[in-house]
C-alpha atoms as a PDB file:
ATOM      1  CA  UNK A   1      10.319  78.602 -25.317  1.00  0.00           C
ATOM      2  CA  UNK A   2       8.586  81.904 -26.106  1.00  0.00           C
ATOM      3  CA  UNK A   3       9.076  84.389 -23.293  1.00  0.00           C
ATOM      4  CA  UNK A   4       9.879  88.042 -22.680  1.00  0.00           C
ATOM      5  CA  UNK A   5      13.290  89.081 -24.094  1.00  0.00           C
ATOM      6  CA  UNK A   6      15.394  92.250 -24.250  1.00  0.00           C
ATOM      7  CA  UNK A   7      16.640  93.584 -27.577  1.00  0.00           C
ATOM      8  CA  UNK A   8      20.420  93.881 -27.796  1.00  0.00           C
ATOM      9  CA  UNK A   9      20.121  96.903 -30.075  1.00  0.00           C
ATOM     10  CA  UNK A  10      17.460  99.174 -28.523  1.00  0.00           C
ATOM     11  CA  UNK A  11      17.073  97.386 -25.132  1.00  0.00           C
ATOM     12  CA  UNK A  12      13.288  97.181 -25.474  1.00  0.00           C
ATOM     13  CA  UNK A  13      11.162  94.188 -24.326  1.00  0.00           C
ATOM     14  CA  UNK A  14       9.560  91.762 -26.798  1.00  0.00           C
ATOM     15  CA  UNK A  15       8.280  88.180 -26.998  1.00  0.00           C
ATOM     16  CA  UNK A  16      10.699  85.755 -28.641  1.00  0.00           C
ATOM     17  CA  UNK A  17      12.403  82.363 -28.636  1.00  0.00           C
ATOM     18  CA  UNK A  18      15.768  81.314 -27.128  1.00  0.00           C
ATOM     19  CA  UNK A  19      17.815  82.786 -30.014  1.00  0.00           C
ATOM     20  CA  UNK A  20      15.735  85.942 -30.522  1.00  0.00           C
ATOM     21  CA  UNK A  21      18.325  88.642 -29.801  1.00  0.00           C
ATOM     22  CA  UNK A  22      16.612  91.602 -31.537  1.00  0.00           C
ATOM     23  CA  UNK A  23      13.083  92.992 -31.642  1.00  0.00           C
ATOM     24  CA  UNK A  24      11.148  92.837 -34.969  1.00  0.00           C
ATOM     25  CA  UNK A  25      11.937  96.495 -35.856  1.00  0.00           C
ATOM     26  CA  UNK A  26      15.681  96.098 -35.227  1.00  0.00           C
ATOM     27  CA  UNK A  27      15.665  92.765 -37.052  1.00  0.00           C
ATOM     28  CA  UNK A  28      14.219  94.401 -40.175  1.00  0.00           C
ATOM     29  CA  UNK A  29      16.777  97.220 -39.957  1.00  0.00           C
ATOM     30  CA  UNK A  30      19.652  94.745 -39.646  1.00  0.00           C
ATOM     31  CA  UNK A  31      18.311  92.784 -42.615  1.00  0.00           C
ATOM     32  CA  UNK A  32      18.089  95.981 -44.697  1.00  0.00           C
ATOM     33  CA  UNK A  33      21.724  96.841 -43.815  1.00  0.00           C
ATOM     34  CA  UNK A  34      22.870  93.319 -44.687  1.00  0.00           C
ATOM     35  CA  UNK A  35      21.206  93.521 -48.117  1.00  0.00           C
ATOM     36  CA  UNK A  36      22.822  96.930 -48.755  1.00  0.00           C
ATOM     37  CA  UNK A  37      26.245  95.620 -47.711  1.00  0.00           C
ATOM     38  CA  UNK A  38      25.833  92.625 -50.033  1.00  0.00           C
ATOM     39  CA  UNK A  39      25.015  94.924 -52.961  1.00  0.00           C
ATOM     40  CA  UNK A  40      28.111  96.990 -52.215  1.00  0.00           C
ATOM     41  CA  UNK A  41      30.282  93.848 -52.173  1.00  0.00           C
ATOM     42  CA  UNK A  42      28.803  92.744 -55.487  1.00  0.00           C
ATOM     43  CA  UNK A  43      29.523  96.143 -57.010  1.00  0.00           C
ATOM     44  CA  UNK A  44      33.102  96.032 -55.738  1.00  0.00           C
ATOM     45  CA  UNK A  45      33.630  92.478 -57.047  1.00  0.00           C
ATOM     46  CA  UNK A  46      34.006  90.937 -53.585  1.00  0.00           C
ATOM     47  CA  UNK A  47      31.286  88.287 -54.025  1.00  0.00           C
ATOM     48  CA  UNK A  48      32.322  84.779 -55.034  1.00  0.00           C
ATOM     49  CA  UNK A  49      30.268  83.270 -57.885  1.00  0.00           C
ATOM     50  CA  UNK A  50      28.640  79.867 -57.322  1.00  0.00           C
ATOM     51  CA  UNK A  51      30.795  77.038 -58.602  1.00  0.00           C
ATOM     52  CA  UNK A  52      34.091  78.846 -57.974  1.00  0.00           C
ATOM     53  CA  UNK A  53      36.926  77.305 -55.939  1.00  0.00           C
ATOM     54  CA  UNK A  54      37.902  78.633 -52.495  1.00  0.00           C
ATOM     55  CA  UNK A  55      39.971  77.379 -49.519  1.00  0.00           C
ATOM     56  CA  UNK A  56      38.519  76.077 -46.245  1.00  0.00           C
ATOM     57  CA  UNK A  57      39.317  78.285 -43.233  1.00  0.00           C
ATOM     58  CA  UNK A  58      39.823  75.237 -40.955  1.00  0.00           C
ATOM     59  CA  UNK A  59      41.809  72.669 -42.948  1.00  0.00           C
ATOM     60  CA  UNK A  60      42.949  74.731 -45.952  1.00  0.00           C
ATOM     61  CA  UNK A  61      41.537  72.312 -48.552  1.00  0.00           C
ATOM     62  CA  UNK A  62      39.884  73.519 -51.767  1.00  0.00           C
ATOM     63  CA  UNK A  63      36.089  73.328 -52.003  1.00  0.00           C
ATOM     64  CA  UNK A  64      33.370  74.376 -54.450  1.00  0.00           C
ATOM     65  CA  UNK A  65      31.357  77.440 -53.381  1.00  0.00           C
ATOM     66  CA  UNK A  66      27.661  76.529 -53.076  1.00  0.00           C
ATOM     67  CA  UNK A  67      26.457  79.424 -50.860  1.00  0.00           C
ATOM     68  CA  UNK A  68      27.325  83.072 -50.418  1.00  0.00           C
ATOM     69  CA  UNK A  69      28.354  82.735 -46.763  1.00  0.00           C
ATOM     70  CA  UNK A  70      30.129  79.381 -47.125  1.00  0.00           C
ATOM     71  CA  UNK A  71      33.544  79.396 -45.383  1.00  0.00           C
ATOM     72  CA  UNK A  72      34.297  75.711 -44.848  1.00  0.00           C
ATOM     73  CA  UNK A  73      34.516  72.523 -46.852  1.00  0.00           C
ATOM     74  CA  UNK A  74      31.750  69.873 -46.454  1.00  0.00           C
ATOM     75  CA  UNK A  75      33.959  67.838 -44.064  1.00  0.00           C
ATOM     76  CA  UNK A  76      34.614  70.758 -41.666  1.00  0.00           C
ATOM     77  CA  UNK A  77      31.199  72.430 -41.849  1.00  0.00           C
ATOM     78  CA  UNK A  78      29.402  70.094 -39.337  1.00  0.00           C
ATOM     79  CA  UNK A  79      32.183  70.525 -36.748  1.00  0.00           C
ATOM     80  CA  UNK A  80      32.093  74.305 -37.128  1.00  0.00           C
ATOM     81  CA  UNK A  81      28.285  74.358 -36.837  1.00  0.00           C
ATOM     82  CA  UNK A  82      28.369  72.423 -33.569  1.00  0.00           C
ATOM     83  CA  UNK A  83      31.088  74.684 -32.100  1.00  0.00           C
ATOM     84  CA  UNK A  84      29.331  77.856 -33.299  1.00  0.00           C
ATOM     85  CA  UNK A  85      25.937  77.019 -31.781  1.00  0.00           C
ATOM     86  CA  UNK A  86      27.557  75.723 -28.600  1.00  0.00           C
ATOM     87  CA  UNK A  87      29.269  79.107 -28.196  1.00  0.00           C
ATOM     88  CA  UNK A  88      25.996  80.951 -28.929  1.00  0.00           C
ATOM     89  CA  UNK A  89      24.135  78.836 -26.373  1.00  0.00           C
ATOM     90  CA  UNK A  90      26.784  79.575 -23.732  1.00  0.00           C
ATOM     91  CA  UNK A  91      26.662  83.306 -24.411  1.00  0.00           C
ATOM     92  CA  UNK A  92      22.876  83.463 -24.485  1.00  0.00           C
ATOM     93  CA  UNK A  93      22.643  81.423 -21.275  1.00  0.00           C
ATOM     94  CA  UNK A  94      25.083  83.780 -19.557  1.00  0.00           C
ATOM     95  CA  UNK A  95      23.117  86.846 -20.711  1.00  0.00           C
ATOM     96  CA  UNK A  96      19.849  85.227 -19.626  1.00  0.00           C
ATOM     97  CA  UNK A  97      21.231  84.415 -16.161  1.00  0.00           C
ATOM     98  CA  UNK A  98      22.440  87.993 -15.697  1.00  0.00           C
ATOM     99  CA  UNK A  99      19.027  89.330 -16.748  1.00  0.00           C
ATOM    100  CA  UNK A 100      17.268  86.976 -14.328  1.00  0.00           C
ATOM    101  CA  UNK A 101      19.572  87.929 -11.465  1.00  0.00           C
ATOM    102  CA  UNK A 102      19.072  91.648 -12.075  1.00  0.00           C
ATOM    103  CA  UNK A 103      15.275  91.142 -12.152  1.00  0.00           C
ATOM    104  CA  UNK A 104      15.295  89.092  -8.906  1.00  0.00           C
ATOM    105  CA  UNK A 105      14.575  85.809 -10.702  1.00  0.00           C
ATOM    106  CA  UNK A 106      16.178  82.369 -10.448  1.00  0.00           C
ATOM    107  CA  UNK A 107      19.088  82.253 -12.936  1.00  0.00           C
ATOM    108  CA  UNK A 108      18.248  78.639 -13.857  1.00  0.00           C
ATOM    109  CA  UNK A 109      14.487  78.517 -14.441  1.00  0.00           C
ATOM    110  CA  UNK A 110      13.589  82.229 -14.438  1.00  0.00           C
ATOM    111  CA  UNK A 111      10.845  82.021 -11.816  1.00  0.00           C
ATOM    112  CA  UNK A 112      10.351  84.880  -9.335  1.00  0.00           C
ATOM    113  CA  UNK A 113      12.313  84.304  -6.117  1.00  0.00           C
ATOM    114  CA  UNK A 114      10.678  85.155  -2.773  1.00  0.00           C
ATOM    115  CA  UNK A 115      12.435  87.218  -0.118  1.00  0.00           C
ATOM    116  CA  UNK A 116      13.648  84.130   1.801  1.00  0.00           C
ATOM    117  CA  UNK A 117      15.374  82.808  -1.337  1.00  0.00           C
ATOM    118  CA  UNK A 118      17.220  86.002  -2.297  1.00  0.00           C
ATOM    119  CA  UNK A 119      20.420  84.986  -0.463  1.00  0.00           C
ATOM    120  CA  UNK A 120      20.546  81.580  -2.239  1.00  0.00           C
ATOM    121  CA  UNK A 121      21.972  81.008  -5.720  1.00  0.00           C
ATOM    122  CA  UNK A 122      18.773  79.380  -7.054  1.00  0.00           C
ATOM    123  CA  UNK A 123      15.155  78.971  -6.064  1.00  0.00           C
ATOM    124  CA  UNK A 124      14.163  76.172  -3.685  1.00  0.00           C
ATOM    125  CA  UNK A 125      12.941  73.907  -6.500  1.00  0.00           C
ATOM    126  CA  UNK A 126      16.242  74.198  -8.432  1.00  0.00           C
ATOM    127  CA  UNK A 127      18.303  73.753  -5.254  1.00  0.00           C
ATOM    128  CA  UNK A 128      16.537  70.454  -4.522  1.00  0.00           C
ATOM    129  CA  UNK A 129      17.016  69.366  -8.134  1.00  0.00           C
ATOM    130  CA  UNK A 130      20.767  70.025  -8.055  1.00  0.00           C
ATOM    131  CA  UNK A 131      21.206  68.254  -4.722  1.00  0.00           C
ATOM    132  CA  UNK A 132      19.435  65.141  -6.047  1.00  0.00           C
ATOM    133  CA  UNK A 133      21.335  65.275  -9.323  1.00  0.00           C
ATOM    134  CA  UNK A 134      24.838  65.524  -7.836  1.00  0.00           C
ATOM    135  CA  UNK A 135      24.044  63.071  -5.033  1.00  0.00           C
ATOM    136  CA  UNK A 136      23.101  60.436  -7.619  1.00  0.00           C
ATOM    137  CA  UNK A 137      26.089  61.271  -9.779  1.00  0.00           C
ATOM    138  CA  UNK A 138      28.711  60.603  -7.053  1.00  0.00           C
ATOM    139  CA  UNK A 139      27.588  57.776  -4.818  1.00  0.00           C
ATOM    140  CA  UNK A 140      29.831  57.080  -1.854  1.00  0.00           C
ATOM    141  CA  UNK A 141      30.990  53.427  -1.823  1.00  0.00           C
ATOM    142  CA  UNK A 142      31.872  52.020   1.592  1.00  0.00           C
ATOM    143  CA  UNK A 143      35.119  49.999   1.330  1.00  0.00           C
ATOM    144  CA  UNK A 144      35.665  49.481   5.056  1.00  0.00           C
ATOM    145  CA  UNK A 145      36.765  45.906   5.841  1.00  0.00           C
ATOM    146  CA  UNK A 146      37.454  44.995   2.201  1.00  0.00           C
ATOM    147  CA  UNK A 147      40.814  43.660   0.923  1.00  0.00           C
ATOM    148  CA  UNK A 148      42.665  44.840  -2.170  1.00  0.00           C
ATOM    149  CA  UNK A 149      45.815  42.809  -2.752  1.00  0.00           C
ATOM    150  CA  UNK A 150      47.759  42.993   0.495  1.00  0.00           C
ATOM    151  CA  UNK A 151      45.867  46.060   1.692  1.00  0.00           C
ATOM    152  CA  UNK A 152      43.052  45.920   4.240  1.00  0.00           C
ATOM    153  CA  UNK A 153      40.782  48.986   4.432  1.00  0.00           C
ATOM    154  CA  UNK A 154      40.520  50.210   8.027  1.00  0.00           C
ATOM    155  CA  UNK A 155      38.570  53.469   7.910  1.00  0.00           C
ATOM    156  CA  UNK A 156      37.796  56.495   5.771  1.00  0.00           C
ATOM    157  CA  UNK A 157      40.507  59.177   5.683  1.00  0.00           C
ATOM    158  CA  UNK A 158      40.155  62.918   5.217  1.00  0.00           C
ATOM    159  CA  UNK A 159      39.126  63.682   1.614  1.00  0.00           C
ATOM    160  CA  UNK A 160      41.020  66.089  -0.639  1.00  0.00           C
ATOM    161  CA  UNK A 161      40.097  68.430  -3.511  1.00  0.00           C
ATOM    162  CA  UNK A 162      37.044  69.795  -1.673  1.00  0.00           C
ATOM    163  CA  UNK A 163      35.692  66.312  -0.984  1.00  0.00           C
ATOM    164  CA  UNK A 164      35.859  65.112  -4.601  1.00  0.00           C
ATOM    165  CA  UNK A 165      38.606  62.518  -3.934  1.00  0.00           C
ATOM    166  CA  UNK A 166      37.629  59.991  -1.242  1.00  0.00           C
ATOM    167  CA  UNK A 167      40.567  58.302   0.505  1.00  0.00           C
ATOM    168  CA  UNK A 168      40.917  55.336   2.885  1.00  0.00           C
ATOM    169  CA  UNK A 169      43.316  54.320   5.663  1.00  0.00           C
ATOM    170  CA  UNK A 170      44.771  50.918   4.732  1.00  0.00           C
ATOM    171  CA  UNK A 171      47.151  48.471   6.443  1.00  0.00           C
ATOM    172  CA  UNK A 172      49.520  46.224   4.485  1.00  0.00           C
ATOM    173  CA  UNK A 173      49.824  42.515   5.367  1.00  0.00           C
ATOM    174  CA  UNK A 174      53.636  42.533   5.065  1.00  0.00           C
ATOM    175  CA  UNK A 175      55.941  42.085   8.072  1.00  0.00           C
ATOM    176  CA  UNK A 176      56.189  45.861   8.618  1.00  0.00           C
ATOM    177  CA  UNK A 177      52.373  46.305   8.860  1.00  0.00           C
ATOM    178  CA  UNK A 178      52.695  49.672   7.171  1.00  0.00           C
ATOM    179  CA  UNK A 179      49.622  51.934   7.117  1.00  0.00           C
ATOM    180  CA  UNK A 180      49.066  54.152   4.064  1.00  0.00           C
ATOM    181  CA  UNK A 181      46.295  56.378   2.662  1.00  0.00           C
ATOM    182  CA  UNK A 182      44.907  55.362  -0.755  1.00  0.00           C
ATOM    183  CA  UNK A 183      42.112  56.823  -2.880  1.00  0.00           C
ATOM    184  CA  UNK A 184      39.037  54.826  -3.905  1.00  0.00           C
ATOM    185  CA  UNK A 185      39.987  54.937  -7.570  1.00  0.00           C
ATOM    186  CA  UNK A 186      43.477  53.490  -6.987  1.00  0.00           C
ATOM    187  CA  UNK A 187      42.102  50.705  -4.794  1.00  0.00           C
ATOM    188  CA  UNK A 188      39.298  49.597  -7.120  1.00  0.00           C
ATOM    189  CA  UNK A 189      41.419  49.822 -10.284  1.00  0.00           C
ATOM    190  CA  UNK A 190      44.197  47.726  -8.734  1.00  0.00           C
ATOM    191  CA  UNK A 191      46.825  50.443  -9.138  1.00  0.00           C
ATOM    192  CA  UNK A 192      47.833  50.181  -5.461  1.00  0.00           C
ATOM    193  CA  UNK A 193      47.965  46.695  -3.948  1.00  0.00           C
ATOM    194  CA  UNK A 194      50.565  47.078  -1.180  1.00  0.00           C
ATOM    195  CA  UNK A 195      52.725  49.556   0.684  1.00  0.00           C
ATOM    196  CA  UNK A 196      55.478  49.007  -1.887  1.00  0.00           C
ATOM    197  CA  UNK A 197      56.675  45.611  -0.666  1.00  0.00           C
ATOM    198  CA  UNK A 198      55.304  43.831  -3.756  1.00  0.00           C
ATOM    199  CA  UNK A 199      57.450  45.989  -6.035  1.00  0.00           C
ATOM    200  CA  UNK A 200      60.531  45.396  -3.870  1.00  0.00           C
ATOM    201  CA  UNK A 201      59.988  41.618  -3.949  1.00  0.00           C
ATOM    202  CA  UNK A 202      59.470  41.670  -7.707  1.00  0.00           C
ATOM    203  CA  UNK A 203      62.665  43.646  -8.240  1.00  0.00           C
ATOM    204  CA  UNK A 204      64.584  41.307  -5.905  1.00  0.00           C
ATOM    205  CA  UNK A 205      63.401  38.243  -7.866  1.00  0.00           C
ATOM    206  CA  UNK A 206      64.714  39.761 -11.112  1.00  0.00           C
ATOM    207  CA  UNK A 207      68.005  40.854  -9.543  1.00  0.00           C
ATOM    208  CA  UNK A 208      71.163  39.310 -11.083  1.00  0.00           C
ATOM    209  CA  UNK A 209      73.778  38.258  -8.541  1.00  0.00           C
ATOM    210  CA  UNK A 210      76.889  40.404  -9.169  1.00  0.00           C
ATOM    211  CA  UNK A 211      78.650  39.737  -5.877  1.00  0.00           C
ATOM    212  CA  UNK A 212      82.504  39.535  -6.059  1.00  0.00           C
ATOM    213  CA  UNK A 213      82.479  40.518  -9.757  1.00  0.00           C
ATOM    214  CA  UNK A 214      84.874  43.153 -11.161  1.00  0.00           C
ATOM    215  CA  UNK A 215      83.771  46.129 -13.295  1.00  0.00           C
ATOM    216  CA  UNK A 216      86.777  48.274 -14.137  1.00  0.00           C
ATOM    217  CA  UNK A 217      88.174  49.494 -10.831  1.00  0.00           C
ATOM    218  CA  UNK A 218      84.977  48.565  -8.939  1.00  0.00           C
ATOM    219  CA  UNK A 219      84.583  45.319  -6.986  1.00  0.00           C
ATOM    220  CA  UNK A 220      81.036  44.332  -5.969  1.00  0.00           C
ATOM    221  CA  UNK A 221      80.786  43.630  -2.220  1.00  0.00           C
ATOM    222  CA  UNK A 222      77.065  43.094  -1.472  1.00  0.00           C
ATOM    223  CA  UNK A 223      73.542  44.286  -2.297  1.00  0.00           C
ATOM    224  CA  UNK A 224      71.992  47.202  -0.389  1.00  0.00           C
ATOM    225  CA  UNK A 225      68.427  48.622  -0.335  1.00  0.00           C
ATOM    226  CA  UNK A 226      68.094  52.401  -0.578  1.00  0.00           C
ATOM    227  CA  UNK A 227      64.469  53.504  -0.473  1.00  0.00           C
ATOM    228  CA  UNK A 228      62.658  51.209  -2.927  1.00  0.00           C
ATOM    229  CA  UNK A 229      65.747  50.462  -5.041  1.00  0.00           C
ATOM    230  CA  UNK A 230      68.147  47.554  -4.704  1.00  0.00           C
ATOM    231  CA  UNK A 231      71.728  48.628  -5.486  1.00  0.00           C
ATOM    232  CA  UNK A 232      75.184  47.047  -5.260  1.00  0.00           C
ATOM    233  CA  UNK A 233      77.788  48.363  -2.840  1.00  0.00           C
ATOM    234  CA  UNK A 234      81.117  48.520  -4.699  1.00  0.00           C
ATOM    235  CA  UNK A 235      84.649  49.227  -3.508  1.00  0.00           C
ATOM    236  CA  UNK A 236      86.935  51.225  -5.819  1.00  0.00           C
ATOM    237  CA  UNK A 237      90.685  50.674  -6.199  1.00  0.00           C
ATOM    238  CA  UNK A 238      91.141  53.876  -4.161  1.00  0.00           C
ATOM    239  CA  UNK A 239      89.306  52.132  -1.225  1.00  0.00           C
ATOM    240  CA  UNK A 240      86.182  54.308  -1.553  1.00  0.00           C
ATOM    241  CA  UNK A 241      82.767  52.563  -1.465  1.00  0.00           C
ATOM    242  CA  UNK A 242      79.746  53.680  -3.527  1.00  0.00           C
ATOM    243  CA  UNK A 243      76.284  52.166  -4.312  1.00  0.00           C
ATOM    244  CA  UNK A 244      75.656  51.480  -8.026  1.00  0.00           C
ATOM    245  CA  UNK A 245      72.676  49.988  -9.876  1.00  0.00           C
ATOM    246  CA  UNK A 246      72.981  46.734 -11.850  1.00  0.00           C
ATOM    247  CA  UNK A 247      72.322  48.421 -15.190  1.00  0.00           C
ATOM    248  CA  UNK A 248      75.043  51.037 -14.658  1.00  0.00           C
ATOM    249  CA  UNK A 249      77.531  48.283 -13.818  1.00  0.00           C
ATOM    250  CA  UNK A 250      76.713  45.899 -16.672  1.00  0.00           C
ATOM    251  CA  UNK A 251      76.564  48.680 -19.280  1.00  0.00           C
ATOM    252  CA  UNK A 252      79.881  50.144 -18.181  1.00  0.00           C
ATOM    253  CA  UNK A 253      78.471  53.493 -17.107  1.00  0.00           C
ATOM    254  CA  UNK A 254      80.387  53.259 -13.810  1.00  0.00           C
ATOM    255  CA  UNK A 255      83.923  51.838 -13.786  1.00  0.00           C
ATOM    256  CA  UNK A 256      85.222  53.787 -10.772  1.00  0.00           C
ATOM    257  CA  UNK A 257      84.035  55.978  -7.916  1.00  0.00           C
ATOM    258  CA  UNK A 258      84.964  59.091  -9.908  1.00  0.00           C
ATOM    259  CA  UNK A 259      88.644  59.205  -9.029  1.00  0.00           C
ATOM    260  CA  UNK A 260      89.670  58.236 -12.582  1.00  0.00           C
ATOM    261  CA  UNK A 261      87.647  61.108 -13.972  1.00  0.00           C
ATOM    262  CA  UNK A 262      89.369  63.524 -11.591  1.00  0.00           C
ATOM    263  CA  UNK A 263      92.789  62.144 -12.520  1.00  0.00           C
ATOM    264  CA  UNK A 264      92.003  62.409 -16.226  1.00  0.00           C
ATOM    265  CA  UNK A 265      90.771  65.974 -15.773  1.00  0.00           C
ATOM    266  CA  UNK A 266      93.882  67.013 -13.827  1.00  0.00           C
ATOM    267  CA  UNK A 267      96.149  65.393 -16.435  1.00  0.00           C
ATOM    268  CA  UNK A 268      94.314  67.264 -19.219  1.00  0.00           C
ATOM    269  CA  UNK A 269      94.660  70.571 -17.367  1.00  0.00           C
ATOM    270  CA  UNK A 270      98.386  70.035 -16.830  1.00  0.00           C
ATOM    271  CA  UNK A 271      98.872  69.113 -20.503  1.00  0.00           C
ATOM    272  CA  UNK A 272      96.954  72.179 -21.658  1.00  0.00           C
ATOM    273  CA  UNK A 273      99.032  74.451 -19.384  1.00  0.00           C
ATOM    274  CA  UNK A 274     102.283  72.847 -20.591  1.00  0.00           C
ATOM    275  CA  UNK A 275     101.326  73.243 -24.270  1.00  0.00           C
ATOM    276  CA  UNK A 276      99.973  76.761 -23.783  1.00  0.00           C
ATOM    277  CA  UNK A 277     102.878  78.229 -21.802  1.00  0.00           C
ATOM    278  CA  UNK A 278     106.197  79.234 -23.451  1.00  0.00           C
ATOM    279  CA  UNK A 279     108.907  80.839 -21.293  1.00  0.00           C
ATOM    280  CA  UNK A 280     106.280  81.769 -18.691  1.00  0.00           C
ATOM    281  CA  UNK A 281     103.937  83.352 -21.260  1.00  0.00           C
ATOM    282  CA  UNK A 282     100.504  81.873 -22.047  1.00  0.00           C
ATOM    283  CA  UNK A 283      99.639  81.972 -25.745  1.00  0.00           C
ATOM    284  CA  UNK A 284      95.895  81.907 -25.026  1.00  0.00           C
ATOM    285  CA  UNK A 285      96.220  85.075 -22.892  1.00  0.00           C
ATOM    286  CA  UNK A 286      97.749  86.927 -25.859  1.00  0.00           C
ATOM    287  CA  UNK A 287      94.643  86.211 -27.949  1.00  0.00           C
ATOM    288  CA  UNK A 288      92.124  86.817 -25.137  1.00  0.00           C
ATOM    289  CA  UNK A 289      89.049  88.934 -25.900  1.00  0.00           C
ATOM    290  CA  UNK A 290      88.508  92.465 -24.644  1.00  0.00           C
ATOM    291  CA  UNK A 291      87.052  92.706 -21.108  1.00  0.00           C
ATOM    292  CA  UNK A 292      83.424  93.792 -20.955  1.00  0.00           C
ATOM    293  CA  UNK A 293      84.186  96.650 -18.521  1.00  0.00           C
ATOM    294  CA  UNK A 294      86.993  98.114 -20.647  1.00  0.00           C
ATOM    295  CA  UNK A 295      86.160 101.742 -21.560  1.00  0.00           C
ATOM    296  CA  UNK A 296      88.993 102.448 -24.010  1.00  0.00           C
ATOM    297  CA  UNK A 297      88.153  99.707 -26.505  1.00  0.00           C
ATOM    298  CA  UNK A 298      91.781  98.486 -26.501  1.00  0.00           C
ATOM    299  CA  UNK A 299      93.361  95.821 -24.307  1.00  0.00           C
ATOM    300  CA  UNK A 300      95.936  97.184 -21.877  1.00  0.00           C
ATOM    301  CA  UNK A 301      94.603 100.770 -21.886  1.00  0.00           C
ATOM    302  CA  UNK A 302      92.489 101.898 -18.891  1.00  0.00           C
ATOM    303  CA  UNK A 303      91.358 105.218 -17.381  1.00  0.00           C
ATOM    304  CA  UNK A 304      92.812 106.120 -13.963  1.00  0.00           C
ATOM    305  CA  UNK A 305      90.387 108.426 -12.185  1.00  0.00           C
ATOM    306  CA  UNK A 306      92.842 109.519  -9.463  1.00  0.00           C
ATOM    307  CA  UNK A 307      95.421 110.762 -12.020  1.00  0.00           C
ATOM    308  CA  UNK A 308      92.906 111.816 -14.680  1.00  0.00           C
ATOM    309  CA  UNK A 309      95.068 110.050 -17.258  1.00  0.00           C
ATOM    310  CA  UNK A 310      95.093 106.959 -19.453  1.00  0.00           C
ATOM    311  CA  UNK A 311      97.326 104.135 -18.281  1.00  0.00           C
ATOM    312  CA  UNK A 312      99.008 101.751 -20.735  1.00  0.00           C
ATOM    313  CA  UNK A 313     100.258  98.386 -19.483  1.00  0.00           C
ATOM    314  CA  UNK A 314     101.090  94.938 -20.844  1.00  0.00           C
ATOM    315  CA  UNK A 315     101.238  91.414 -19.392  1.00  0.00           C
ATOM    316  CA  UNK A 316     104.341  89.374 -20.129  1.00  0.00           C
ATOM    317  CA  UNK A 317     105.741  86.177 -18.535  1.00  0.00           C
ATOM    318  CA  UNK A 318     103.167  86.256 -15.733  1.00  0.00           C
ATOM    319  CA  UNK A 319     103.850  89.856 -14.741  1.00  0.00           C
ATOM    320  CA  UNK A 320     102.121  93.166 -15.481  1.00  0.00           C
ATOM    321  CA  UNK A 321     104.395  95.921 -16.768  1.00  0.00           C
ATOM    322  CA  UNK A 322     103.323  99.595 -16.710  1.00  0.00           C
ATOM    323  CA  UNK A 323     104.189 101.371 -19.956  1.00  0.00           C
ATOM    324  CA  UNK A 324     103.229 104.917 -18.914  1.00  0.00           C
ATOM    325  CA  UNK A 325     100.456 107.467 -18.374  1.00  0.00           C
ATOM    326  CA  UNK A 326      99.140 109.756 -21.097  1.00  0.00           C
ATOM    327  CA  UNK A 327      96.610 112.578 -21.217  1.00  0.00           C
ATOM    328  CA  UNK A 328      95.346 111.527 -24.649  1.00  0.00           C
ATOM    329  CA  UNK A 329      93.893 108.054 -25.172  1.00  0.00           C
ATOM    330  CA  UNK A 330      95.532 107.816 -28.614  1.00  0.00           C
ATOM    331  CA  UNK A 331      99.000 108.213 -27.075  1.00  0.00           C
ATOM    332  CA  UNK A 332      98.284 105.442 -24.546  1.00  0.00           C
ATOM    333  CA  UNK A 333      97.054 103.162 -27.346  1.00  0.00           C
ATOM    334  CA  UNK A 334     100.238 103.855 -29.326  1.00  0.00           C
ATOM    335  CA  UNK A 335     102.325 102.825 -26.278  1.00  0.00           C
ATOM    336  CA  UNK A 336     100.343  99.587 -25.983  1.00  0.00           C
ATOM    337  CA  UNK A 337     100.681  98.753 -29.705  1.00  0.00           C
ATOM    338  CA  UNK A 338     104.440  99.331 -29.619  1.00  0.00           C
ATOM    339  CA  UNK A 339     104.780  97.026 -26.608  1.00  0.00           C
ATOM    340  CA  UNK A 340     102.725  94.317 -28.343  1.00  0.00           C
ATOM    341  CA  UNK A 341     105.104  94.476 -31.320  1.00  0.00           C
ATOM    342  CA  UNK A 342     108.062  94.077 -28.985  1.00  0.00           C
ATOM    343  CA  UNK A 343     106.827  91.453 -26.493  1.00  0.00           C
ATOM    344  CA  UNK A 344     103.833  89.567 -27.986  1.00  0.00           C
ATOM    345  CA  UNK A 345     104.498  89.419 -31.715  1.00  0.00           C
ATOM    346  CA  UNK A 346     107.422  86.935 -31.572  1.00  0.00           C
ATOM    347  CA  UNK A 347     105.286  84.392 -29.676  1.00  0.00           C
ATOM    348  CA  UNK A 348     102.295  84.840 -31.987  1.00  0.00           C
ATOM    349  CA  UNK A 349     104.506  84.391 -35.067  1.00  0.00           C
ATOM    350  CA  UNK A 350     105.919  81.170 -33.641  1.00  0.00           C
ATOM    351  CA  UNK A 351     102.408  79.877 -32.974  1.00  0.00           C
ATOM    352  CA  UNK A 352     101.239  80.674 -36.516  1.00  0.00           C
ATOM    353  CA  UNK A 353     104.266  78.958 -38.011  1.00  0.00           C
ATOM    354  CA  UNK A 354     103.530  75.818 -35.995  1.00  0.00           C
END
């Protein structure tokens, strides 16, 4: 549609179509610059000759160059063209709306808005068009009194998402007569047919009777319902009762209430302590890493602020033994190294020999 446009280069007014972004003078100047830039690229050897092979910028496949501005293979070119012009249309529409708003026009059709319409988003004609369009797009379907599975629709509930999702108050026909709120889409598609009783009945019909059976240290007593799940109440050999699902019992995931795991853990800890300790000295402590807050860089050497000296100490047979205080850090380190040779080295040599 030919109408008055504004040039993006010099901001002057001219008559042009929907994609006329520049006035005739600026268009000629841009064309002259494009021709000059093309000649420079040719002189520099940056122009691809027709018939040469290049790679597509979208899929990376090789294609034969048939045009100077070709960037895509024949398979990707239509997709890129659609995306490119869609982006241009969006940008031009946004620019056109801003121009119309600044000129006091309707951003949709461009007609002059009267004083009474200035506070509205569009002119009266466009407002009526949008109301009719969106009213026909989302028709409200009355489901009151209808039945969907075991659910009977009682009344319309409060909508959510700014009125886009319509919901209904429904009552289930089960013994509990539970009332729930369900959306129109879930009712008409058959996603929701009850308050959850249908699922519970279906699970109960597929349930395998495990009563009085033994699974490790667990003995099945009876079935229990927790929420929507049907579980088996089991008694452990330690007299503790826990609910377990059928799959966890039959697959051997649960063989006790957890007491066996605790016993196994405690036995492993005791064995590790027994193997690690010799004459009250832990071998793992002798090879422990340096503490992150140590400032000397050597284990057993720390700075004592109150004495303004370096303290050397060593741990042996569960006790900490002070070796002495020195003004120089090197002297404290020497004390620590000598003590390690005396107390720790025999245990480390025995461990290496084993």
